[in-house]
Amino acid sequence: MGVPVVTGSATARPRAATADRRRELGACLRSYRERVAPATLGLPDRGRRRTPGLRREEVAALAGVGLTWYTWLEQGRVTASDEVLTAVGRVLGIDAPGVAHLTRLSRDDGPAVGTAPEELAPVLASWPGHPAVLLDARLGVVAANDTWEVAVGRPADGDPGRRHVLWQLAADPAARARFEPGPGPSVLTCPGPGPDELLAALHRRFRMASDLDPTDPGTRGVRDALRTDAPERAPLWECRGVGAFGRPRVRLGGVDRTAYLLGEAGVPGAAVLVLLPS
């Protein structure tokens, strides 16, 4: 294995305060609300809107909740039931894993992250012929197999903000040069200059993990490194998209590959990212 497992990378931090999580929930809802075109929900065009997307009163009406209560939800002042968040998520086009994430943000019970890296370390050796990397809950690189190092490159050492899979794929010139345009259209939930499917899927996972502890200095370090070293992808770094990882596709070494993120389904935690031939 090319990179030894970095011990201690999954040290748990205290859970974020309920208020911090609820503020992240409100920011996520606002971001989705501003990206939904009223016409897609059959709403009439009532003239120029001061802001893009849906109005709060439209979301509230379609979800079957009061406007004042929905306003408080976006302001992080109330706790929503599962049924209400499901209804709001349906209006805003958020998938089931994304709604489950919103539910976690509205509560302060349960762990911030799931599986620890050492539990998945043996899994990394299961794909000796395919690029695979072991990630912690916030997608920091814990270890990579030899095939990843040959096909993608050696993960950065030193600065934890750059020993991160998003940084390697988006900002490391050597890694960027090895990926070709994907075999199909990108599936994006955010505006921006065409980030590929894998980056968009990984960022959704990173967003979901970082939302659970928004004051974590490690998360801020990653965001600062991404903004500094890959500024052309700023719309993606600012995106609040959440939801399923899916099966993003890439083209690497002349081979079309599908990315699989193996860990606890829907729960931010350690995972193995493996790129298998499509």
Protein backbone atom coordinates (compact mmCIF):
# COMPACT_ATOMS: atom_id res chain seq x y z
CA MET A 1 0.00 0.00 0.00
CA GLY A 2 1.49 3.30 -1.10
CA VAL A 3 0.49 5.50 1.81
CA PRO A 4 0.44 4.20 5.38
CA VAL A 5 -2.73 4.64 7.39
CA VAL A 6 -2.56 7.90 9.31
CA THR A 7 -3.58 7.09 12.86
CA GLY A 8 -5.66 9.46 14.91
CA SER A 9 -7.25 11.17 11.90
CA ALA A 10 -10.76 10.30 13.06
CA THR A 11 -10.52 11.81 16.53
CA ALA A 12 -14.03 12.88 17.39
CA ARG A 13 -14.75 16.53 18.06
CA PRO A 14 -17.57 17.66 20.32
CA ARG A 15 -20.88 17.96 18.49
CA ALA A 16 -21.71 21.36 17.15
CA ALA A 17 -24.22 23.35 19.14
CA THR A 18 -27.82 22.98 18.03
CA ALA A 19 -27.92 26.64 16.99
CA ASP A 20 -24.92 26.19 14.67
CA ARG A 21 -26.51 23.22 12.96
CA ARG A 22 -29.86 24.94 12.58
CA ARG A 23 -28.17 27.94 10.96
CA GLU A 24 -26.59 25.55 8.44
CA LEU A 25 -30.02 24.00 7.86
CA GLY A 26 -31.53 27.41 7.14
CA ALA A 27 -28.71 28.34 4.78
CA CYS A 28 -29.17 25.06 2.92
CA LEU A 29 -32.91 25.61 2.52
CA ARG A 30 -32.39 29.16 1.27
CA SER A 31 -29.81 27.96 -1.26
CA TYR A 32 -32.17 25.34 -2.67
CA ARG A 33 -35.16 27.71 -2.62
CA GLU A 34 -33.25 30.26 -4.70
CA ARG A 35 -32.43 27.66 -7.37
CA VAL A 36 -35.94 26.30 -7.97
CA ALA A 37 -37.63 27.87 -10.98
CA PRO A 38 -41.29 28.65 -10.11
CA ALA A 39 -42.43 27.36 -13.51
CA THR A 40 -41.14 23.86 -12.70
CA LEU A 41 -43.74 23.68 -9.93
CA GLY A 42 -46.55 25.09 -12.03
CA LEU A 43 -46.51 28.51 -10.37
CA PRO A 44 -47.67 31.47 -12.49
CA ASP A 45 -45.30 34.24 -13.47
CA ARG A 46 -46.30 37.19 -11.30
CA GLY A 47 -43.81 39.69 -12.60
CA ARG A 48 -40.25 40.48 -11.67
CA ARG A 49 -38.88 38.85 -8.51
CA ARG A 50 -36.39 40.61 -6.27
CA THR A 51 -34.50 37.34 -5.78
CA PRO A 52 -34.28 34.24 -8.00
CA GLY A 53 -36.18 31.07 -7.28
CA LEU A 54 -39.14 30.58 -4.99
CA ARG A 55 -40.49 32.96 -2.40
CA ARG A 56 -40.76 31.77 1.18
CA GLU A 57 -44.55 31.97 1.06
CA GLU A 58 -44.57 29.69 -1.99
CA VAL A 59 -42.47 27.03 -0.27
CA ALA A 60 -44.62 27.26 2.85
CA ALA A 61 -47.86 26.91 0.90
CA LEU A 62 -46.63 23.99 -1.19
CA ALA A 63 -45.24 22.20 1.89
CA GLY A 64 -48.40 22.82 3.92
CA VAL A 65 -46.82 24.88 6.71
CA GLY A 66 -47.33 28.43 7.93
CA LEU A 67 -45.24 31.24 6.45
CA THR A 68 -44.08 32.52 9.85
CA TRP A 69 -43.07 29.03 10.93
CA TYR A 70 -41.18 28.39 7.66
CA THR A 71 -39.42 31.75 8.04
CA TRP A 72 -38.32 30.71 11.52
CA LEU A 73 -37.07 27.40 10.07
CA GLU A 74 -34.82 29.23 7.61
CA GLN A 75 -33.65 31.45 10.47
CA GLY A 76 -32.69 28.43 12.58
CA ARG A 77 -35.21 29.22 15.31
CA VAL A 78 -37.34 26.05 15.34
CA THR A 79 -37.01 22.26 15.20
CA ALA A 80 -38.93 20.61 12.37
CA SER A 81 -40.56 17.21 12.40
CA ASP A 82 -39.49 14.53 9.94
CA GLU A 83 -42.79 14.97 8.10
CA VAL A 84 -42.31 18.71 7.64
CA LEU A 85 -38.72 18.35 6.42
CA THR A 86 -39.83 15.65 3.99
CA ALA A 87 -42.54 17.98 2.63
CA VAL A 88 -40.13 20.91 2.33
CA GLY A 89 -37.51 18.68 0.73
CA ARG A 90 -40.06 17.46 -1.82
CA VAL A 91 -40.90 21.05 -2.81
CA LEU A 92 -37.22 21.97 -3.12
CA GLY A 93 -36.25 18.80 -5.01
CA ILE A 94 -33.96 17.39 -2.30
CA ASP A 95 -33.47 13.62 -2.40
CA ALA A 96 -33.97 11.21 0.53
CA PRO A 97 -30.32 11.24 1.75
CA GLY A 98 -30.40 15.03 1.58
CA VAL A 99 -33.60 15.19 3.64
CA ALA A 100 -32.06 12.80 6.19
CA HIS A 101 -29.14 15.22 6.44
CA LEU A 102 -31.52 18.14 7.03
CA THR A 103 -33.15 16.11 9.80
CA ARG A 104 -29.76 15.59 11.49
CA LEU A 105 -29.08 19.31 11.29
CA SER A 106 -32.35 20.12 13.03
CA ARG A 107 -31.48 17.93 16.04
CA ASP A 108 -28.58 17.75 18.46
CA ASP A 109 -28.83 14.02 19.18
CA GLY A 110 -26.76 11.33 17.52
CA PRO A 111 -23.09 11.35 16.55
CA ALA A 112 -21.75 13.92 14.14
CA VAL A 113 -20.02 11.24 12.06
CA GLY A 114 -20.16 7.47 11.68
CA THR A 115 -17.49 4.90 10.84
CA ALA A 116 -13.87 5.47 11.90
CA PRO A 117 -11.10 4.97 9.28
CA GLU A 118 -9.45 2.03 11.05
CA GLU A 119 -12.65 0.02 10.62
CA LEU A 120 -12.36 0.27 6.83
CA ALA A 121 -8.57 0.04 6.47
CA PRO A 122 -8.69 -3.68 5.53
CA VAL A 123 -11.20 -2.91 2.77
CA LEU A 124 -8.68 -0.71 0.95
CA ALA A 125 -6.55 -3.75 0.09
CA SER A 126 -9.50 -5.44 -1.62
CA TRP A 127 -8.88 -3.64 -4.94
CA PRO A 128 -5.16 -4.00 -5.67
CA GLY A 129 -5.70 -3.41 -9.40
CA HIS A 130 -8.01 -0.40 -9.15
CA PRO A 131 -7.44 3.13 -7.79
CA ALA A 132 -8.75 3.27 -4.22
CA VAL A 133 -8.28 5.68 -1.34
CA LEU A 134 -9.35 5.58 2.32
CA LEU A 135 -11.00 8.79 3.53
CA ASP A 136 -11.96 10.09 6.94
CA ALA A 137 -15.36 11.62 7.67
CA ARG A 138 -14.44 14.95 6.06
CA LEU A 139 -12.74 13.32 3.03
CA GLY A 140 -9.22 13.81 4.32
CA VAL A 141 -6.90 11.19 2.82
CA VAL A 142 -5.94 8.53 5.36
CA ALA A 143 -4.31 6.06 2.95
CA ALA A 144 -4.15 5.25 -0.76
CA ASN A 145 -3.30 2.03 -2.56
CA ASP A 146 -0.42 1.78 -5.05
CA THR A 147 -2.78 1.89 -8.03
CA TRP A 148 -4.22 5.24 -6.89
CA GLU A 149 -0.71 6.66 -6.56
CA VAL A 150 0.21 5.50 -10.07
CA ALA A 151 -3.05 6.51 -11.76
CA VAL A 152 -3.91 9.69 -9.82
CA GLY A 153 -0.79 10.65 -7.87
CA ARG A 154 0.51 10.60 -4.34
CA PRO A 155 -1.71 12.50 -1.90
CA ALA A 156 -0.14 15.61 -0.45
CA ASP A 157 1.81 15.33 2.78
CA GLY A 158 1.98 17.95 5.47
CA ASP A 159 -0.80 20.56 5.34
CA PRO A 160 -4.04 18.74 6.33
CA GLY A 161 -6.05 21.20 4.23
CA ARG A 162 -4.32 19.81 1.16
CA ARG A 163 -4.15 16.15 2.20
CA HIS A 164 -7.74 15.93 1.04
CA VAL A 165 -9.33 14.15 -1.91
CA LEU A 166 -11.14 17.28 -3.14
CA TRP A 167 -7.90 19.23 -3.13
CA GLN A 168 -6.02 16.46 -4.94
CA LEU A 169 -8.61 16.10 -7.69
CA ALA A 170 -9.34 19.82 -8.13
CA ALA A 171 -6.08 21.61 -7.30
CA ASP A 172 -3.16 19.20 -7.73
CA PRO A 173 -1.88 19.88 -11.28
CA ALA A 174 -0.52 16.33 -11.70
CA ALA A 175 -3.84 14.73 -10.78
CA ARG A 176 -5.91 17.15 -12.84
CA ALA A 177 -3.86 16.39 -15.93
CA ARG A 178 -4.64 12.66 -15.68
CA PHE A 179 -8.42 12.97 -15.79
CA GLU A 180 -10.18 13.38 -19.14
CA PRO A 181 -13.69 14.72 -19.83
CA GLY A 182 -16.25 12.20 -18.61
CA PRO A 183 -18.25 9.87 -20.88
CA GLY A 184 -21.56 11.55 -20.15
CA PRO A 185 -23.13 14.84 -19.02
CA SER A 186 -22.41 16.13 -15.54
CA VAL A 187 -25.14 15.86 -12.93
CA LEU A 188 -24.92 19.08 -10.95
CA THR A 189 -27.03 20.75 -8.30
CA CYS A 190 -25.04 23.98 -8.33
CA PRO A 191 -24.13 26.67 -10.83
CA GLY A 192 -20.58 27.04 -12.00
CA PRO A 193 -18.00 26.39 -14.71
CA GLY A 194 -18.71 22.71 -15.31
CA PRO A 195 -17.19 20.74 -12.44
CA ASP A 196 -17.26 17.04 -13.26
CA GLU A 197 -19.55 14.50 -11.67
CA LEU A 198 -17.01 13.10 -9.22
CA LEU A 199 -16.03 16.49 -7.78
CA ALA A 200 -19.68 17.48 -7.42
CA ALA A 201 -20.53 14.18 -5.67
CA LEU A 202 -17.54 14.41 -3.33
CA HIS A 203 -18.35 18.00 -2.46
CA ARG A 204 -21.91 17.02 -1.53
CA ARG A 205 -20.44 14.47 0.89
CA PHE A 206 -17.98 17.03 2.27
CA ARG A 207 -20.75 19.59 2.72
CA MET A 208 -22.91 17.11 4.62
CA ALA A 209 -20.06 16.24 6.98
CA SER A 210 -18.93 19.82 7.54
CA ASP A 211 -22.49 21.06 8.17
CA LEU A 212 -22.63 18.83 11.25
CA ASP A 213 -19.71 20.71 12.81
CA PRO A 214 -19.52 24.08 11.05
CA THR A 215 -16.97 25.55 13.49
CA ASP A 216 -14.40 22.76 12.95
CA PRO A 217 -11.04 24.41 12.13
CA GLY A 218 -10.01 21.45 9.97
CA THR A 219 -13.01 22.04 7.71
CA ARG A 220 -12.14 25.73 7.42
CA GLY A 221 -8.59 24.77 6.45
CA VAL A 222 -9.84 22.60 3.60
CA ARG A 223 -12.19 25.31 2.35
CA ASP A 224 -9.41 27.92 2.46
CA ALA A 225 -7.07 25.64 0.49
CA LEU A 226 -9.72 24.91 -2.15
CA ARG A 227 -10.58 28.59 -2.60
CA THR A 228 -6.90 29.57 -2.83
CA ASP A 229 -5.66 26.78 -5.10
CA ALA A 230 -8.71 26.13 -7.30
CA PRO A 231 -10.49 29.52 -7.50
CA GLU A 232 -12.01 28.67 -10.89
CA ARG A 233 -14.33 26.26 -9.11
CA ALA A 234 -15.55 28.85 -6.60
CA PRO A 235 -19.26 28.26 -7.42
CA LEU A 236 -18.83 24.61 -6.41
CA TRP A 237 -16.96 25.44 -3.19
CA GLU A 238 -19.76 27.82 -2.20
CA CYS A 239 -22.51 25.36 -3.15
CA ARG A 240 -24.72 23.98 -0.38
CA GLY A 241 -25.90 20.99 -2.36
CA VAL A 242 -26.49 17.83 -0.30
CA GLY A 243 -27.77 14.39 -1.15
CA ALA A 244 -26.79 10.97 -2.41
CA PHE A 245 -23.27 10.35 -3.69
CA GLY A 246 -24.68 8.45 -6.64
CA ARG A 247 -22.45 6.74 -9.21
CA PRO A 248 -20.35 9.54 -10.70
CA ARG A 249 -18.27 8.72 -13.74
CA VAL A 250 -14.77 9.74 -14.75
CA ARG A 251 -12.30 8.92 -17.51
CA LEU A 252 -8.86 8.07 -16.18
CA GLY A 253 -5.98 6.54 -18.11
CA GLY A 254 -8.13 6.03 -21.17
CA VAL A 255 -10.65 3.98 -19.18
CA ASP A 256 -14.21 5.01 -18.32
CA ARG A 257 -14.67 4.43 -14.61
CA THR A 258 -17.49 4.64 -12.09
CA ALA A 259 -16.74 5.91 -8.58
CA TYR A 260 -18.09 4.04 -5.56
CA LEU A 261 -17.98 5.45 -2.04
CA LEU A 262 -18.19 2.55 0.40
CA GLY A 263 -19.21 3.28 3.96
CA GLU A 264 -22.34 3.76 6.02
CA ALA A 265 -25.11 4.73 3.62
CA GLY A 266 -26.22 8.33 4.11
CA VAL A 267 -24.10 8.89 7.25
CA PRO A 268 -20.94 11.00 7.05
CA GLY A 269 -18.06 8.85 8.23
CA ALA A 270 -14.95 7.13 6.96
CA ALA A 271 -15.30 5.60 3.51
CA VAL A 272 -13.32 3.96 0.74
CA LEU A 273 -13.45 5.65 -2.67
CA VAL A 274 -12.73 3.19 -5.47
CA LEU A 275 -12.74 3.80 -9.24
CA LEU A 276 -13.89 0.70 -11.10
CA PRO A 277 -14.16 0.22 -14.89
CA SER A 278 -17.65 1.12 -16.08
